[in-house]
Amino acid sequence: MPPGDERTEAMQEVTILENAAEMFGHLGGEDARGLAPASESSASRTKPGK
């Protein structure tokens, strides 16, 4: 882990990225692992014409 100010800056960047990923998930996007939101079943994603 970098010392002092470098560590602080790195942790702030991590927090920003975590918040962005969470917001993306709330907006119906896939999470960082590429998984669809829990409310969307795999069957509904594979139906033709959808």
PDB file of N, CA and C in Angstrom:
ATOM      1  N   MET A   1       0.850  -1.172   0.000  1.00  0.00           N
ATOM      2  CA  MET A   1       0.000   0.000   0.000  1.00  0.00           C
ATOM      3  C   MET A   1       0.896   1.236   0.000  1.00  0.00           C
ATOM      4  N   PRO A   2       0.637   2.183  -0.879  1.00  0.00           N
ATOM      5  CA  PRO A   2       1.452   3.399  -0.916  1.00  0.00           C
ATOM      6  C   PRO A   2       1.304   4.205   0.389  1.00  0.00           C
ATOM      7  N   PRO A   3       2.339   4.930   0.772  1.00  0.00           N
ATOM      8  CA  PRO A   3       2.271   5.705   2.014  1.00  0.00           C
ATOM      9  C   PRO A   3       1.521   7.031   1.845  1.00  0.00           C
ATOM     10  N   GLY A   4       1.010   7.518   2.955  1.00  0.00           N
ATOM     11  CA  GLY A   4       0.454   8.870   3.067  1.00  0.00           C
ATOM     12  C   GLY A   4      -0.527   9.314   2.001  1.00  0.00           C
ATOM     13  N   ASP A   5      -0.177  10.437   1.345  1.00  0.00           N
ATOM     14  CA  ASP A   5      -1.069  11.069   0.369  1.00  0.00           C
ATOM     15  C   ASP A   5      -1.370  10.164  -0.821  1.00  0.00           C
ATOM     16  N   GLU A   6      -0.398   9.356  -1.231  1.00  0.00           N
ATOM     17  CA  GLU A   6      -0.635   8.443  -2.360  1.00  0.00           C
ATOM     18  C   GLU A   6      -1.715   7.423  -1.998  1.00  0.00           C
ATOM     19  N   ARG A   7      -1.666   6.926  -0.775  1.00  0.00           N
ATOM     20  CA  ARG A   7      -2.665   5.958  -0.331  1.00  0.00           C
ATOM     21  C   ARG A   7      -4.036   6.618  -0.254  1.00  0.00           C
ATOM     22  N   THR A   8      -4.093   7.821   0.278  1.00  0.00           N
ATOM     23  CA  THR A   8      -5.359   8.550   0.386  1.00  0.00           C
ATOM     24  C   THR A   8      -5.983   8.750  -0.986  1.00  0.00           C
ATOM     25  N   GLU A   9      -5.174   9.174  -1.944  1.00  0.00           N
ATOM     26  CA  GLU A   9      -5.676   9.390  -3.299  1.00  0.00           C
ATOM     27  C   GLU A   9      -6.171   8.082  -3.926  1.00  0.00           C
ATOM     28  N   ALA A  10      -5.432   7.007  -3.725  1.00  0.00           N
ATOM     29  CA  ALA A  10      -5.828   5.706  -4.271  1.00  0.00           C
ATOM     30  C   ALA A  10      -7.148   5.240  -3.654  1.00  0.00           C
ATOM     31  N   MET A  11      -7.307   5.432  -2.341  1.00  0.00           N
ATOM     32  CA  MET A  11      -8.540   5.019  -1.676  1.00  0.00           C
ATOM     33  C   MET A  11      -9.728   5.856  -2.137  1.00  0.00           C
ATOM     34  N   GLN A  12      -9.509   7.135  -2.404  1.00  0.00           N
ATOM     35  CA  GLN A  12     -10.586   7.987  -2.921  1.00  0.00           C
ATOM     36  C   GLN A  12     -11.015   7.524  -4.311  1.00  0.00           C
ATOM     37  N   GLU A  13     -10.039   7.128  -5.137  1.00  0.00           N
ATOM     38  CA  GLU A  13     -10.373   6.625  -6.478  1.00  0.00           C
ATOM     39  C   GLU A  13     -11.161   5.323  -6.387  1.00  0.00           C
ATOM     40  N   VAL A  14     -10.783   4.455  -5.455  1.00  0.00           N
ATOM     41  CA  VAL A  14     -11.510   3.197  -5.260  1.00  0.00           C
ATOM     42  C   VAL A  14     -12.952   3.482  -4.864  1.00  0.00           C
ATOM     43  N   THR A  15     -13.142   4.409  -3.949  1.00  0.00           N
ATOM     44  CA  THR A  15     -14.487   4.763  -3.500  1.00  0.00           C
ATOM     45  C   THR A  15     -15.326   5.308  -4.646  1.00  0.00           C
ATOM     46  N   ILE A  16     -14.736   6.152  -5.471  1.00  0.00           N
ATOM     47  CA  ILE A  16     -15.454   6.715  -6.622  1.00  0.00           C
ATOM     48  C   ILE A  16     -15.871   5.600  -7.579  1.00  0.00           C
ATOM     49  N   LEU A  17     -14.964   4.671  -7.848  1.00  0.00           N
ATOM     50  CA  LEU A  17     -15.291   3.565  -8.756  1.00  0.00           C
ATOM     51  C   LEU A  17     -16.365   2.657  -8.166  1.00  0.00           C
ATOM     52  N   GLU A  18     -16.299   2.394  -6.866  1.00  0.00           N
ATOM     53  CA  GLU A  18     -17.336   1.577  -6.221  1.00  0.00           C
ATOM     54  C   GLU A  18     -18.696   2.249  -6.328  1.00  0.00           C
ATOM     55  N   ASN A  19     -18.731   3.550  -6.078  1.00  0.00           N
ATOM     56  CA  ASN A  19     -19.994   4.296  -6.171  1.00  0.00           C
ATOM     57  C   ASN A  19     -20.534   4.284  -7.601  1.00  0.00           C
ATOM     58  N   ALA A  20     -19.654   4.451  -8.575  1.00  0.00           N
ATOM     59  CA  ALA A  20     -20.081   4.437  -9.977  1.00  0.00           C
ATOM     60  C   ALA A  20     -20.658   3.071 -10.346  1.00  0.00           C
ATOM     61  N   ALA A  21     -20.010   2.002  -9.899  1.00  0.00           N
ATOM     62  CA  ALA A  21     -20.499   0.654 -10.195  1.00  0.00           C
ATOM     63  C   ALA A  21     -21.862   0.414  -9.547  1.00  0.00           C
ATOM     64  N   GLU A  22     -22.028   0.903  -8.331  1.00  0.00           N
ATOM     65  CA  GLU A  22     -23.310   0.748  -7.645  1.00  0.00           C
ATOM     66  C   GLU A  22     -24.412   1.521  -8.365  1.00  0.00           C
ATOM     67  N   MET A  23     -24.120   2.739  -8.782  1.00  0.00           N
ATOM     68  CA  MET A  23     -25.114   3.537  -9.512  1.00  0.00           C
ATOM     69  C   MET A  23     -25.476   2.870 -10.837  1.00  0.00           C
ATOM     70  N   PHE A  24     -24.493   2.344 -11.536  1.00  0.00           N
ATOM     71  CA  PHE A  24     -24.737   1.653 -12.792  1.00  0.00           C
ATOM     72  C   PHE A  24     -25.673   0.468 -12.567  1.00  0.00           C
ATOM     73  N   GLY A  25     -25.451  -0.252 -11.486  1.00  0.00           N
ATOM     74  CA  GLY A  25     -26.328  -1.367 -11.153  1.00  0.00           C
ATOM     75  C   GLY A  25     -27.742  -0.919 -10.859  1.00  0.00           C
ATOM     76  N   HIS A  26     -27.893   0.204 -10.160  1.00  0.00           N
ATOM     77  CA  HIS A  26     -29.224   0.729  -9.853  1.00  0.00           C
ATOM     78  C   HIS A  26     -29.955   1.161 -11.116  1.00  0.00           C
ATOM     79  N   LEU A  27     -29.218   1.548 -12.120  1.00  0.00           N
ATOM     80  CA  LEU A  27     -29.827   2.003 -13.367  1.00  0.00           C
ATOM     81  C   LEU A  27     -30.126   0.851 -14.324  1.00  0.00           C
ATOM     82  N   GLY A  28     -29.925  -0.369 -13.861  1.00  0.00           N
ATOM     83  CA  GLY A  28     -30.279  -1.531 -14.656  1.00  0.00           C
ATOM     84  C   GLY A  28     -29.149  -2.101 -15.481  1.00  0.00           C
ATOM     85  N   GLY A  29     -27.931  -1.650 -15.253  1.00  0.00           N
ATOM     86  CA  GLY A  29     -26.791  -2.188 -15.980  1.00  0.00           C
ATOM     87  C   GLY A  29     -26.292  -3.472 -15.351  1.00  0.00           C
ATOM     88  N   GLU A  30     -25.339  -4.071 -15.996  1.00  0.00           N
ATOM     89  CA  GLU A  30     -24.730  -5.271 -15.451  1.00  0.00           C
ATOM     90  C   GLU A  30     -23.719  -4.873 -14.398  1.00  0.00           C
ATOM     91  N   ASP A  31     -23.467  -5.785 -13.443  1.00  0.00           N
ATOM     92  CA  ASP A  31     -22.466  -5.458 -12.439  1.00  0.00           C
ATOM     93  C   ASP A  31     -21.067  -5.727 -12.990  1.00  0.00           C
ATOM     94  N   ALA A  32     -20.077  -5.466 -12.199  1.00  0.00           N
ATOM     95  CA  ALA A  32     -18.684  -5.554 -12.653  1.00  0.00           C
ATOM     96  C   ALA A  32     -18.305  -6.968 -13.094  1.00  0.00           C
ATOM     97  N   ARG A  33     -19.022  -7.969 -12.619  1.00  0.00           N
ATOM     98  CA  ARG A  33     -18.734  -9.354 -13.017  1.00  0.00           C
ATOM     99  C   ARG A  33     -19.443  -9.725 -14.310  1.00  0.00           C
ATOM    100  N   GLY A  34     -20.224  -8.806 -14.867  1.00  0.00           N
ATOM    101  CA  GLY A  34     -20.931  -9.081 -16.108  1.00  0.00           C
ATOM    102  C   GLY A  34     -22.254  -9.787 -15.903  1.00  0.00           C
ATOM    103  N   LEU A  35     -22.752  -9.784 -14.666  1.00  0.00           N
ATOM    104  CA  LEU A  35     -24.006 -10.451 -14.359  1.00  0.00           C
ATOM    105  C   LEU A  35     -25.151  -9.454 -14.429  1.00  0.00           C
ATOM    106  N   ALA A  36     -26.281  -9.915 -14.904  1.00  0.00           N
ATOM    107  CA  ALA A  36     -27.462  -9.058 -14.980  1.00  0.00           C
ATOM    108  C   ALA A  36     -27.995  -8.827 -13.570  1.00  0.00           C
ATOM    109  N   PRO A  37     -28.784  -7.785 -13.371  1.00  0.00           N
ATOM    110  CA  PRO A  37     -29.385  -7.535 -12.057  1.00  0.00           C
ATOM    111  C   PRO A  37     -30.216  -8.723 -11.605  1.00  0.00           C
ATOM    112  N   ALA A  38     -30.331  -8.926 -10.314  1.00  0.00           N
ATOM    113  CA  ALA A  38     -31.047 -10.070  -9.750  1.00  0.00           C
ATOM    114  C   ALA A  38     -32.516 -10.088 -10.167  1.00  0.00           C
ATOM    115  N   SER A  39     -33.092  -8.930 -10.431  1.00  0.00           N
ATOM    116  CA  SER A  39     -34.506  -8.871 -10.783  1.00  0.00           C
ATOM    117  C   SER A  39     -34.784  -9.385 -12.193  1.00  0.00           C
ATOM    118  N   GLU A  40     -33.746  -9.544 -12.985  1.00  0.00           N
ATOM    119  CA  GLU A  40     -33.915 -10.013 -14.357  1.00  0.00           C
ATOM    120  C   GLU A  40     -33.505 -11.475 -14.436  1.00  0.00           C
ATOM    121  N   SER A  41     -34.455 -12.335 -14.771  1.00  0.00           N
ATOM    122  CA  SER A  41     -34.145 -13.755 -14.832  1.00  0.00           C
ATOM    123  C   SER A  41     -33.429 -14.094 -16.133  1.00  0.00           C
ATOM    124  N   SER A  42     -32.691 -15.185 -16.120  1.00  0.00           N
ATOM    125  CA  SER A  42     -31.973 -15.587 -17.322  1.00  0.00           C
ATOM    126  C   SER A  42     -32.938 -15.988 -18.421  1.00  0.00           C
ATOM    127  N   ALA A  43     -34.111 -16.488 -18.059  1.00  0.00           N
ATOM    128  CA  ALA A  43     -35.091 -16.878 -19.064  1.00  0.00           C
ATOM    129  C   ALA A  43     -35.594 -15.669 -19.849  1.00  0.00           C
ATOM    130  N   SER A  44     -35.797 -14.560 -19.164  1.00  0.00           N
ATOM    131  CA  SER A  44     -36.313 -13.388 -19.873  1.00  0.00           C
ATOM    132  C   SER A  44     -35.267 -12.790 -20.796  1.00  0.00           C
ATOM    133  N   ARG A  45     -33.976 -13.028 -20.525  1.00  0.00           N
ATOM    134  CA  ARG A  45     -32.922 -12.504 -21.388  1.00  0.00           C
ATOM    135  C   ARG A  45     -32.727 -13.361 -22.631  1.00  0.00           C
ATOM    136  N   THR A  46     -33.229 -14.596 -22.621  1.00  0.00           N
ATOM    137  CA  THR A  46     -32.999 -15.486 -23.748  1.00  0.00           C
ATOM    138  C   THR A  46     -34.232 -15.677 -24.615  1.00  0.00           C
ATOM    139  N   LYS A  47     -35.350 -15.083 -24.256  1.00  0.00           N
ATOM    140  CA  LYS A  47     -36.563 -15.217 -25.063  1.00  0.00           C
ATOM    141  C   LYS A  47     -36.384 -14.476 -26.385  1.00  0.00           C
ATOM    142  N   PRO A  48     -36.739 -15.117 -27.495  1.00  0.00           N
ATOM    143  CA  PRO A  48     -36.653 -14.437 -28.783  1.00  0.00           C
ATOM    144  C   PRO A  48     -37.615 -13.246 -28.857  1.00  0.00           C
ATOM    145  N   GLY A  49     -37.212 -12.224 -29.543  1.00  0.00           N
ATOM    146  CA  GLY A  49     -38.055 -11.063 -29.741  1.00  0.00           C
ATOM    147  C   GLY A  49     -38.086 -10.117 -28.577  1.00  0.00           C
ATOM    148  N   LYS A  50     -37.292 -10.362 -27.594  1.00  0.00           N
ATOM    149  CA  LYS A  50     -37.275  -9.461 -26.443  1.00  0.00           C
ATOM    150  C   LYS A  50     -36.092  -8.542 -26.509  1.00  0.00           C
TER     151      LYS A  50
END
